[in-house]
């Protein structure tokens, strides 16, 4: 191994919808996924909300955004906006 070899880790990315933009430089993004219930074999919707760092306060409620994992920015923020994929009407 050479010393110039740098270790790269896979950065997690997720796509979700902005549900709140009331905080300064922070948005709340909701991710939905369907999982099959192990006993009833019915699909159940699971939701998770992430607090996401938005440096320019560009995202608005209803926008679809691509977020990526980052170092801890504050107590609850571990994600940041990578791009806004679709604007709300």
PDB file of N, CA and C in Angstrom:
ATOM      1  N   UNK A   1       0.829  -1.187   0.000  1.00  0.00           N
ATOM      2  CA  UNK A   1       0.000   0.000   0.000  1.00  0.00           C
ATOM      3  C   UNK A   1       0.869   1.244   0.000  1.00  0.00           C
ATOM      4  N   UNK A   2       0.540   2.154  -0.839  1.00  0.00           N
ATOM      5  CA  UNK A   2       1.286   3.410  -0.861  1.00  0.00           C
ATOM      6  C   UNK A   2       0.641   4.405   0.090  1.00  0.00           C
ATOM      7  N   UNK A   3       1.400   5.413   0.430  1.00  0.00           N
ATOM      8  CA  UNK A   3       0.889   6.411   1.368  1.00  0.00           C
ATOM      9  C   UNK A   3      -0.123   7.342   0.723  1.00  0.00           C
ATOM     10  N   UNK A   4      -0.097   7.431  -0.602  1.00  0.00           N
ATOM     11  CA  UNK A   4      -1.010   8.331  -1.305  1.00  0.00           C
ATOM     12  C   UNK A   4      -2.407   7.749  -1.457  1.00  0.00           C
ATOM     13  N   UNK A   5      -2.549   6.474  -1.153  1.00  0.00           N
ATOM     14  CA  UNK A   5      -3.874   5.854  -1.256  1.00  0.00           C
ATOM     15  C   UNK A   5      -4.753   6.389  -0.135  1.00  0.00           C
ATOM     16  N   UNK A   6      -5.862   6.938  -0.534  1.00  0.00           N
ATOM     17  CA  UNK A   6      -6.781   7.466   0.476  1.00  0.00           C
ATOM     18  C   UNK A   6      -8.002   6.567   0.555  1.00  0.00           C
ATOM     19  N   UNK A   7      -8.501   6.391   1.748  1.00  0.00           N
ATOM     20  CA  UNK A   7      -9.681   5.561   1.946  1.00  0.00           C
ATOM     21  C   UNK A   7     -10.919   6.398   1.663  1.00  0.00           C
ATOM     22  N   UNK A   8     -11.786   5.868   0.839  1.00  0.00           N
ATOM     23  CA  UNK A   8     -13.042   6.542   0.546  1.00  0.00           C
ATOM     24  C   UNK A   8     -14.168   5.713   1.125  1.00  0.00           C
ATOM     25  N   UNK A   9     -15.112   6.404   1.718  1.00  0.00           N
ATOM     26  CA  UNK A   9     -16.267   5.698   2.236  1.00  0.00           C
ATOM     27  C   UNK A   9     -17.470   6.023   1.356  1.00  0.00           C
ATOM     28  N   UNK A  10     -18.408   5.133   1.337  1.00  0.00           N
ATOM     29  CA  UNK A  10     -19.614   5.366   0.561  1.00  0.00           C
ATOM     30  C   UNK A  10     -20.491   6.353   1.311  1.00  0.00           C
ATOM     31  N   UNK A  11     -20.795   7.470   0.679  1.00  0.00           N
ATOM     32  CA  UNK A  11     -21.642   8.484   1.289  1.00  0.00           C
ATOM     33  C   UNK A  11     -23.096   8.134   0.989  1.00  0.00           C
ATOM     34  N   UNK A  12     -23.898   8.020   2.034  1.00  0.00           N
ATOM     35  CA  UNK A  12     -25.299   7.670   1.866  1.00  0.00           C
ATOM     36  C   UNK A  12     -26.059   8.860   1.296  1.00  0.00           C
ATOM     37  N   UNK A  13     -26.930   8.597   0.342  1.00  0.00           N
ATOM     38  CA  UNK A  13     -27.803   9.625  -0.212  1.00  0.00           C
ATOM     39  C   UNK A  13     -29.232   9.115  -0.158  1.00  0.00           C
ATOM     40  N   UNK A  14     -30.148  10.021   0.057  1.00  0.00           N
ATOM     41  CA  UNK A  14     -31.568   9.697   0.126  1.00  0.00           C
ATOM     42  C   UNK A  14     -32.353  10.783  -0.608  1.00  0.00           C
ATOM     43  N   UNK A  15     -33.545  10.428  -1.069  1.00  0.00           N
ATOM     44  CA  UNK A  15     -34.438  11.377  -1.713  1.00  0.00           C
ATOM     45  C   UNK A  15     -35.710  11.475  -0.892  1.00  0.00           C
ATOM     46  N   UNK A  16     -36.118  12.710  -0.576  1.00  0.00           N
ATOM     47  CA  UNK A  16     -37.310  12.902   0.237  1.00  0.00           C
ATOM     48  C   UNK A  16     -37.990  14.216  -0.067  1.00  0.00           C
ATOM     49  N   UNK A  17     -39.070  14.461   0.653  1.00  0.00           N
ATOM     50  CA  UNK A  17     -39.885  15.650   0.454  1.00  0.00           C
ATOM     51  C   UNK A  17     -39.746  16.557   1.671  1.00  0.00           C
ATOM     52  N   UNK A  18     -39.593  17.840   1.415  1.00  0.00           N
ATOM     53  CA  UNK A  18     -39.472  18.819   2.497  1.00  0.00           C
ATOM     54  C   UNK A  18     -40.840  19.023   3.131  1.00  0.00           C
ATOM     55  N   UNK A  19     -40.922  18.838   4.453  1.00  0.00           N
ATOM     56  CA  UNK A  19     -42.187  19.022   5.156  1.00  0.00           C
ATOM     57  C   UNK A  19     -42.167  20.260   6.054  1.00  0.00           C
ATOM     58  N   UNK A  20     -40.987  20.827   6.317  1.00  0.00           N
ATOM     59  CA  UNK A  20     -40.906  22.044   7.120  1.00  0.00           C
ATOM     60  C   UNK A  20     -39.660  22.817   6.735  1.00  0.00           C
ATOM     61  N   UNK A  21     -39.810  24.147   6.650  1.00  0.00           N
ATOM     62  CA  UNK A  21     -38.658  25.013   6.365  1.00  0.00           C
ATOM     63  C   UNK A  21     -38.655  26.235   7.276  1.00  0.00           C
ATOM     64  N   UNK A  22     -39.221  26.112   8.451  1.00  0.00           N
ATOM     65  CA  UNK A  22     -39.364  27.253   9.351  1.00  0.00           C
ATOM     66  C   UNK A  22     -38.082  27.639  10.068  1.00  0.00           C
ATOM     67  N   UNK A  23     -37.152  26.716  10.214  1.00  0.00           N
ATOM     68  CA  UNK A  23     -35.911  27.010  10.925  1.00  0.00           C
ATOM     69  C   UNK A  23     -34.901  27.671   9.991  1.00  0.00           C
ATOM     70  N   UNK A  24     -33.960  28.393  10.575  1.00  0.00           N
ATOM     71  CA  UNK A  24     -32.937  29.057   9.786  1.00  0.00           C
ATOM     72  C   UNK A  24     -31.854  28.045   9.405  1.00  0.00           C
ATOM     73  N   UNK A  25     -31.602  27.885   8.110  1.00  0.00           N
ATOM     74  CA  UNK A  25     -30.602  26.972   7.550  1.00  0.00           C
ATOM     75  C   UNK A  25     -30.881  25.504   7.865  1.00  0.00           C
ATOM     76  N   UNK A  26     -32.117  25.178   8.214  1.00  0.00           N
ATOM     77  CA  UNK A  26     -32.486  23.801   8.511  1.00  0.00           C
ATOM     78  C   UNK A  26     -33.849  23.513   7.900  1.00  0.00           C
ATOM     79  N   UNK A  27     -33.965  22.338   7.281  1.00  0.00           N
ATOM     80  CA  UNK A  27     -35.256  21.876   6.787  1.00  0.00           C
ATOM     81  C   UNK A  27     -35.499  20.485   7.362  1.00  0.00           C
ATOM     82  N   UNK A  28     -36.766  20.077   7.353  1.00  0.00           N
ATOM     83  CA  UNK A  28     -37.124  18.734   7.778  1.00  0.00           C
ATOM     84  C   UNK A  28     -37.575  17.985   6.534  1.00  0.00           C
ATOM     85  N   UNK A  29     -36.912  16.848   6.271  1.00  0.00           N
ATOM     86  CA  UNK A  29     -37.204  16.051   5.088  1.00  0.00           C
ATOM     87  C   UNK A  29     -37.797  14.721   5.533  1.00  0.00           C
ATOM     88  N   UNK A  30     -38.910  14.352   4.899  1.00  0.00           N
ATOM     89  CA  UNK A  30     -39.590  13.103   5.225  1.00  0.00           C
ATOM     90  C   UNK A  30     -39.333  12.088   4.123  1.00  0.00           C
ATOM     91  N   UNK A  31     -38.939  10.879   4.530  1.00  0.00           N
ATOM     92  CA  UNK A  31     -38.709   9.786   3.597  1.00  0.00           C
ATOM     93  C   UNK A  31     -39.748   8.717   3.849  1.00  0.00           C
ATOM     94  N   UNK A  32     -40.388   8.250   2.785  1.00  0.00           N
ATOM     95  CA  UNK A  32     -41.393   7.198   2.881  1.00  0.00           C
ATOM     96  C   UNK A  32     -40.860   5.935   2.225  1.00  0.00           C
ATOM     97  N   UNK A  33     -41.158   4.801   2.835  1.00  0.00           N
ATOM     98  CA  UNK A  33     -40.848   3.530   2.190  1.00  0.00           C
ATOM     99  C   UNK A  33     -41.907   2.520   2.562  1.00  0.00           C
ATOM    100  N   UNK A  34     -42.136   1.580   1.668  1.00  0.00           N
ATOM    101  CA  UNK A  34     -43.103   0.524   1.901  1.00  0.00           C
ATOM    102  C   UNK A  34     -42.348  -0.740   2.277  1.00  0.00           C
ATOM    103  N   UNK A  35     -42.727  -1.343   3.394  1.00  0.00           N
ATOM    104  CA  UNK A  35     -42.137  -2.603   3.829  1.00  0.00           C
ATOM    105  C   UNK A  35     -43.254  -3.613   4.050  1.00  0.00           C
ATOM    106  N   UNK A  36     -42.947  -4.867   3.806  1.00  0.00           N
ATOM    107  CA  UNK A  36     -43.948  -5.898   3.997  1.00  0.00           C
ATOM    108  C   UNK A  36     -43.969  -6.337   5.460  1.00  0.00           C
ATOM    109  N   UNK A  37     -45.162  -6.397   6.032  1.00  0.00           N
ATOM    110  CA  UNK A  37     -45.317  -6.847   7.406  1.00  0.00           C
ATOM    111  C   UNK A  37     -44.962  -8.331   7.473  1.00  0.00           C
ATOM    112  N   UNK A  38     -44.142  -8.730   8.457  1.00  0.00           N
ATOM    113  CA  UNK A  38     -43.663 -10.113   8.469  1.00  0.00           C
ATOM    114  C   UNK A  38     -44.742 -11.169   8.720  1.00  0.00           C
ATOM    115  N   UNK A  39     -45.797 -10.803   9.418  1.00  0.00           N
ATOM    116  CA  UNK A  39     -46.841 -11.788   9.727  1.00  0.00           C
ATOM    117  C   UNK A  39     -48.018 -11.659   8.770  1.00  0.00           C
ATOM    118  N   UNK A  40     -48.502 -10.431   8.579  1.00  0.00           N
ATOM    119  CA  UNK A  40     -49.719 -10.226   7.796  1.00  0.00           C
ATOM    120  C   UNK A  40     -49.475 -10.125   6.300  1.00  0.00           C
ATOM    121  N   UNK A  41     -48.208 -10.009   5.882  1.00  0.00           N
ATOM    122  CA  UNK A  41     -47.835  -9.943   4.465  1.00  0.00           C
ATOM    123  C   UNK A  41     -48.520  -8.790   3.737  1.00  0.00           C
ATOM    124  N   UNK A  42     -48.757  -7.731   4.467  1.00  0.00           N
ATOM    125  CA  UNK A  42     -49.367  -6.538   3.886  1.00  0.00           C
ATOM    126  C   UNK A  42     -48.312  -5.448   3.883  1.00  0.00           C
ATOM    127  N   UNK A  43     -48.315  -4.608   2.849  1.00  0.00           N
ATOM    128  CA  UNK A  43     -47.352  -3.528   2.795  1.00  0.00           C
ATOM    129  C   UNK A  43     -47.756  -2.406   3.739  1.00  0.00           C
ATOM    130  N   UNK A  44     -46.797  -1.956   4.540  1.00  0.00           N
ATOM    131  CA  UNK A  44     -47.019  -0.912   5.538  1.00  0.00           C
ATOM    132  C   UNK A  44     -46.083   0.237   5.212  1.00  0.00           C
ATOM    133  N   UNK A  45     -46.587   1.450   5.310  1.00  0.00           N
ATOM    134  CA  UNK A  45     -45.764   2.622   5.036  1.00  0.00           C
ATOM    135  C   UNK A  45     -44.971   2.999   6.284  1.00  0.00           C
ATOM    136  N   UNK A  46     -43.676   3.096   6.134  1.00  0.00           N
ATOM    137  CA  UNK A  46     -42.793   3.550   7.207  1.00  0.00           C
ATOM    138  C   UNK A  46     -42.264   4.920   6.818  1.00  0.00           C
ATOM    139  N   UNK A  47     -42.272   5.834   7.767  1.00  0.00           N
ATOM    140  CA  UNK A  47     -41.808   7.190   7.517  1.00  0.00           C
ATOM    141  C   UNK A  47     -40.711   7.537   8.508  1.00  0.00           C
ATOM    142  N   UNK A  48     -39.745   8.298   8.038  1.00  0.00           N
ATOM    143  CA  UNK A  48     -38.691   8.790   8.912  1.00  0.00           C
ATOM    144  C   UNK A  48     -38.440  10.245   8.517  1.00  0.00           C
ATOM    145  N   UNK A  49     -38.179  11.080   9.515  1.00  0.00           N
ATOM    146  CA  UNK A  49     -37.915  12.497   9.268  1.00  0.00           C
ATOM    147  C   UNK A  49     -36.481  12.814   9.670  1.00  0.00           C
ATOM    148  N   UNK A  50     -35.788  13.536   8.805  1.00  0.00           N
ATOM    149  CA  UNK A  50     -34.423  13.962   9.068  1.00  0.00           C
ATOM    150  C   UNK A  50     -34.368  15.478   9.103  1.00  0.00           C
ATOM    151  N   UNK A  51     -33.582  16.021  10.030  1.00  0.00           N
ATOM    152  CA  UNK A  51     -33.271  17.444  10.006  1.00  0.00           C
ATOM    153  C   UNK A  51     -32.048  17.599   9.115  1.00  0.00           C
ATOM    154  N   UNK A  52     -32.156  18.480   8.134  1.00  0.00           N
ATOM    155  CA  UNK A  52     -31.157  18.585   7.083  1.00  0.00           C
ATOM    156  C   UNK A  52     -30.644  20.012   7.016  1.00  0.00           C
ATOM    157  N   UNK A  53     -29.329  20.159   6.849  1.00  0.00           N
ATOM    158  CA  UNK A  53     -28.697  21.471   6.743  1.00  0.00           C
ATOM    159  C   UNK A  53     -28.912  22.020   5.335  1.00  0.00           C
ATOM    160  N   UNK A  54     -29.459  23.232   5.253  1.00  0.00           N
ATOM    161  CA  UNK A  54     -29.700  23.913   3.979  1.00  0.00           C
ATOM    162  C   UNK A  54     -29.048  25.286   4.078  1.00  0.00           C
ATOM    163  N   UNK A  55     -27.811  25.379   3.629  1.00  0.00           N
ATOM    164  CA  UNK A  55     -27.004  26.586   3.833  1.00  0.00           C
ATOM    165  C   UNK A  55     -27.649  27.839   3.248  1.00  0.00           C
ATOM    166  N   UNK A  56     -28.223  27.737   2.065  1.00  0.00           N
ATOM    167  CA  UNK A  56     -28.761  28.930   1.411  1.00  0.00           C
ATOM    168  C   UNK A  56     -30.231  29.169   1.650  1.00  0.00           C
ATOM    169  N   UNK A  57     -30.886  28.396   2.491  1.00  0.00           N
ATOM    170  CA  UNK A  57     -32.336  28.488   2.714  1.00  0.00           C
ATOM    171  C   UNK A  57     -33.096  28.464   1.392  1.00  0.00           C
ATOM    172  N   UNK A  58     -32.718  27.565   0.496  1.00  0.00           N
ATOM    173  CA  UNK A  58     -33.304  27.518  -0.842  1.00  0.00           C
ATOM    174  C   UNK A  58     -34.509  26.595  -0.947  1.00  0.00           C
ATOM    175  N   UNK A  59     -34.546  25.534  -0.164  1.00  0.00           N
ATOM    176  CA  UNK A  59     -35.628  24.547  -0.268  1.00  0.00           C
ATOM    177  C   UNK A  59     -36.897  25.061   0.401  1.00  0.00           C
ATOM    178  N   UNK A  60     -38.021  24.743  -0.185  1.00  0.00           N
ATOM    179  CA  UNK A  60     -39.329  25.135   0.331  1.00  0.00           C
ATOM    180  C   UNK A  60     -40.173  23.892   0.578  1.00  0.00           C
ATOM    181  N   UNK A  61     -41.253  24.054   1.316  1.00  0.00           N
ATOM    182  CA  UNK A  61     -42.143  22.935   1.625  1.00  0.00           C
ATOM    183  C   UNK A  61     -42.709  22.375   0.323  1.00  0.00           C
ATOM    184  N   UNK A  62     -42.643  21.061   0.195  1.00  0.00           N
ATOM    185  CA  UNK A  62     -43.146  20.389  -0.999  1.00  0.00           C
ATOM    186  C   UNK A  62     -42.078  20.044  -2.015  1.00  0.00           C
ATOM    187  N   UNK A  63     -40.891  20.631  -1.901  1.00  0.00           N
ATOM    188  CA  UNK A  63     -39.800  20.331  -2.830  1.00  0.00           C
ATOM    189  C   UNK A  63     -39.287  18.917  -2.591  1.00  0.00           C
ATOM    190  N   UNK A  64     -38.856  18.275  -3.649  1.00  0.00           N
ATOM    191  CA  UNK A  64     -38.176  16.991  -3.546  1.00  0.00           C
ATOM    192  C   UNK A  64     -36.679  17.265  -3.581  1.00  0.00           C
ATOM    193  N   UNK A  65     -35.966  16.770  -2.572  1.00  0.00           N
ATOM    194  CA  UNK A  65     -34.538  17.071  -2.455  1.00  0.00           C
ATOM    195  C   UNK A  65     -33.722  15.792  -2.337  1.00  0.00           C
ATOM    196  N   UNK A  66     -32.475  15.892  -2.772  1.00  0.00           N
ATOM    197  CA  UNK A  66     -31.503  14.823  -2.603  1.00  0.00           C
ATOM    198  C   UNK A  66     -30.605  15.238  -1.457  1.00  0.00           C
ATOM    199  N   UNK A  67     -30.518  14.388  -0.429  1.00  0.00           N
ATOM    200  CA  UNK A  67     -29.711  14.721   0.744  1.00  0.00           C
ATOM    201  C   UNK A  67     -28.578  13.719   0.867  1.00  0.00           C
ATOM    202  N   UNK A  68     -27.487  14.144   1.500  1.00  0.00           N
ATOM    203  CA  UNK A  68     -26.352  13.254   1.701  1.00  0.00           C
ATOM    204  C   UNK A  68     -25.898  13.326   3.139  1.00  0.00           C
ATOM    205  N   UNK A  69     -25.352  12.208   3.610  1.00  0.00           N
ATOM    206  CA  UNK A  69     -24.882  12.122   4.978  1.00  0.00           C
ATOM    207  C   UNK A  69     -23.596  12.926   5.118  1.00  0.00           C
ATOM    208  N   UNK A  70     -23.421  13.557   6.273  1.00  0.00           N
ATOM    209  CA  UNK A  70     -22.238  14.371   6.516  1.00  0.00           C
ATOM    210  C   UNK A  70     -21.855  14.266   7.987  1.00  0.00           C
ATOM    211  N   UNK A  71     -20.830  14.976   8.364  1.00  0.00           N
ATOM    212  CA  UNK A  71     -20.412  14.991   9.762  1.00  0.00           C
ATOM    213  C   UNK A  71     -21.514  15.645  10.597  1.00  0.00           C
ATOM    214  N   UNK A  72     -21.537  15.424  11.903  1.00  0.00           N
ATOM    215  CA  UNK A  72     -22.543  16.083  12.737  1.00  0.00           C
ATOM    216  C   UNK A  72     -22.384  17.602  12.696  1.00  0.00           C
ATOM    217  N   UNK A  73     -23.456  18.282  12.318  1.00  0.00           N
ATOM    218  CA  UNK A  73     -23.440  19.741  12.238  1.00  0.00           C
ATOM    219  C   UNK A  73     -23.982  20.336  13.522  1.00  0.00           C
ATOM    220  N   UNK A  74     -24.985  19.692  14.097  1.00  0.00           N
ATOM    221  CA  UNK A  74     -25.534  20.105  15.388  1.00  0.00           C
ATOM    222  C   UNK A  74     -26.040  18.852  16.092  1.00  0.00           C
ATOM    223  N   UNK A  75     -26.817  19.040  17.126  1.00  0.00           N
ATOM    224  CA  UNK A  75     -27.287  17.902  17.913  1.00  0.00           C
ATOM    225  C   UNK A  75     -28.104  16.915  17.076  1.00  0.00           C
ATOM    226  N   UNK A  76     -28.934  17.411  16.177  1.00  0.00           N
ATOM    227  CA  UNK A  76     -29.810  16.541  15.404  1.00  0.00           C
ATOM    228  C   UNK A  76     -29.477  16.479  13.916  1.00  0.00           C
ATOM    229  N   UNK A  77     -28.641  17.379  13.424  1.00  0.00           N
ATOM    230  CA  UNK A  77     -28.377  17.448  11.988  1.00  0.00           C
ATOM    231  C   UNK A  77     -27.156  16.622  11.609  1.00  0.00           C
ATOM    232  N   UNK A  78     -27.409  15.587  10.769  1.00  0.00           N
ATOM    233  CA  UNK A  78     -26.328  14.761  10.226  1.00  0.00           C
ATOM    234  C   UNK A  78     -26.428  14.646   8.718  1.00  0.00           C
ATOM    235  N   UNK A  79     -27.292  15.425   8.105  1.00  0.00           N
ATOM    236  CA  UNK A  79     -27.513  15.383   6.665  1.00  0.00           C
ATOM    237  C   UNK A  79     -27.446  16.798   6.111  1.00  0.00           C
ATOM    238  N   UNK A  80     -27.145  16.921   4.810  1.00  0.00           N
ATOM    239  CA  UNK A  80     -27.164  18.226   4.146  1.00  0.00           C
ATOM    240  C   UNK A  80     -27.766  18.076   2.758  1.00  0.00           C
ATOM    241  N   UNK A  81     -28.293  19.172   2.247  1.00  0.00           N
ATOM    242  CA  UNK A  81     -28.923  19.161   0.937  1.00  0.00           C
ATOM    243  C   UNK A  81     -27.840  19.089  -0.125  1.00  0.00           C
ATOM    244  N   UNK A  82     -27.971  18.099  -1.005  1.00  0.00           N
ATOM    245  CA  UNK A  82     -27.036  17.999  -2.132  1.00  0.00           C
ATOM    246  C   UNK A  82     -27.602  18.729  -3.341  1.00  0.00           C
ATOM    247  N   UNK A  83     -28.894  18.516  -3.605  1.00  0.00           N
ATOM    248  CA  UNK A  83     -29.530  19.224  -4.720  1.00  0.00           C
ATOM    249  C   UNK A  83     -31.044  19.192  -4.544  1.00  0.00           C
ATOM    250  N   UNK A  84     -31.700  20.124  -5.194  1.00  0.00           N
ATOM    251  CA  UNK A  84     -33.164  20.149  -5.229  1.00  0.00           C
ATOM    252  C   UNK A  84     -33.563  19.549  -6.559  1.00  0.00           C
ATOM    253  N   UNK A  85     -34.205  18.381  -6.528  1.00  0.00           N
ATOM    254  CA  UNK A  85     -34.512  17.678  -7.772  1.00  0.00           C
ATOM    255  C   UNK A  85     -35.807  18.143  -8.408  1.00  0.00           C
ATOM    256  N   UNK A  86     -36.780  18.556  -7.591  1.00  0.00           N
ATOM    257  CA  UNK A  86     -38.060  18.980  -8.147  1.00  0.00           C
ATOM    258  C   UNK A  86     -38.656  20.057  -7.252  1.00  0.00           C
ATOM    259  N   UNK A  87     -39.048  21.162  -7.854  1.00  0.00           N
ATOM    260  CA  UNK A  87     -39.664  22.266  -7.112  1.00  0.00           C
ATOM    261  C   UNK A  87     -41.164  22.053  -6.976  1.00  0.00           C
ATOM    262  N   UNK A  88     -41.723  22.480  -5.851  1.00  0.00           N
ATOM    263  CA  UNK A  88     -43.168  22.420  -5.649  1.00  0.00           C
ATOM    264  C   UNK A  88     -43.831  23.528  -6.453  1.00  0.00           C
ATOM    265  N   UNK A  89     -45.069  23.305  -6.783  1.00  0.00           N
ATOM    266  CA  UNK A  89     -45.800  24.263  -7.617  1.00  0.00           C
ATOM    267  C   UNK A  89     -46.111  25.546  -6.926  1.00  0.00           C
TER     268      UNK A  89
END
